[in-house]
């Protein structure tokens, strides 16, 4: 049965009908991740990067109660100008936002949900949420991890955000059966930096290998998604000690101010940007572009059925 709440752009709908590669893109990074106008400029640059690699971008959002897969330039501009006035929408928010005809900026979770509804299998983002530091007492665990456990979308990111407890995040993903794959690396990248000190489950070195693993997973009807961690390019990677100090200082201030829940990540990212003199924002933009490039290349291999040799994993 056709989903009455799902709305695909003509370009995305045609690409899916014709079996062309499509890459899902989130909208929280537009409304909540960056200031205007850099948010809009970055979103359009990410879309252009996807197109340059031979795929169709599908920026996903909730607009006037519709689940949109494929936003227009005007809609992206609207999301950017509205900024944090647009609800940061996770799974729990969807029923009320839809029923009330409201707008929502999609997180990793809701972008995965809508992408899966539309039939889009590859999604590029910056970094996923995870288990927050101190979660043993706060129980602050991102819904992204649960979504990865149940929704069939490959998520290509620069690892989990450095503000998280990366060790517990990996343990949680292991418990949920989500494969964590390092692209060209044996170590989990940590968003702003290439180093974390934690290993990934498997390493792959080509988009063909990623497509092969994804095809095998889908053919076996295994539930859930796949997490591909693609390190920020070397020239944009921030020194680990610098970003770690900024994160520690930002977390201390968030605790002092009593910030919690879904306000935590936007506060921490803004504070880290301030503490690093804007370097973290520049790094954020470059890692998103890098992920979009790999996602488009992988989406091409997925639709072409050229997955390579499934036995090449290291």
Foldseek 3Di string as FASTA:
>chain_A
DDDPQEDEDPVLLVCVVVLFFEAEEFFCCQQQVDAPPVSLVLVVVLQVLLVVLRYGYFYWWQAQLHTYTRDDSVVSVVSNVCHPVAAADAPVCNVVCNVRRGIYTYALRVSLVSCLSSVHAEYFYAAHFAAAPPCVPVVDGDCNLVQQLAGRHEYEYQYHALRGPRVVRLVSNVVSVAAEEEAVDQARGHRQAGHDPHGGPWYDHALLQVLQVSVVCVVVVRGGYYYYHYHQPPVLRDPPVQLVVQSVVQVVVCVVVVDDDPVNVSSSSVSSCVSVVNSSVVSSSRRSSVRSNSRSRNSNSNSVVNNDDNPPID
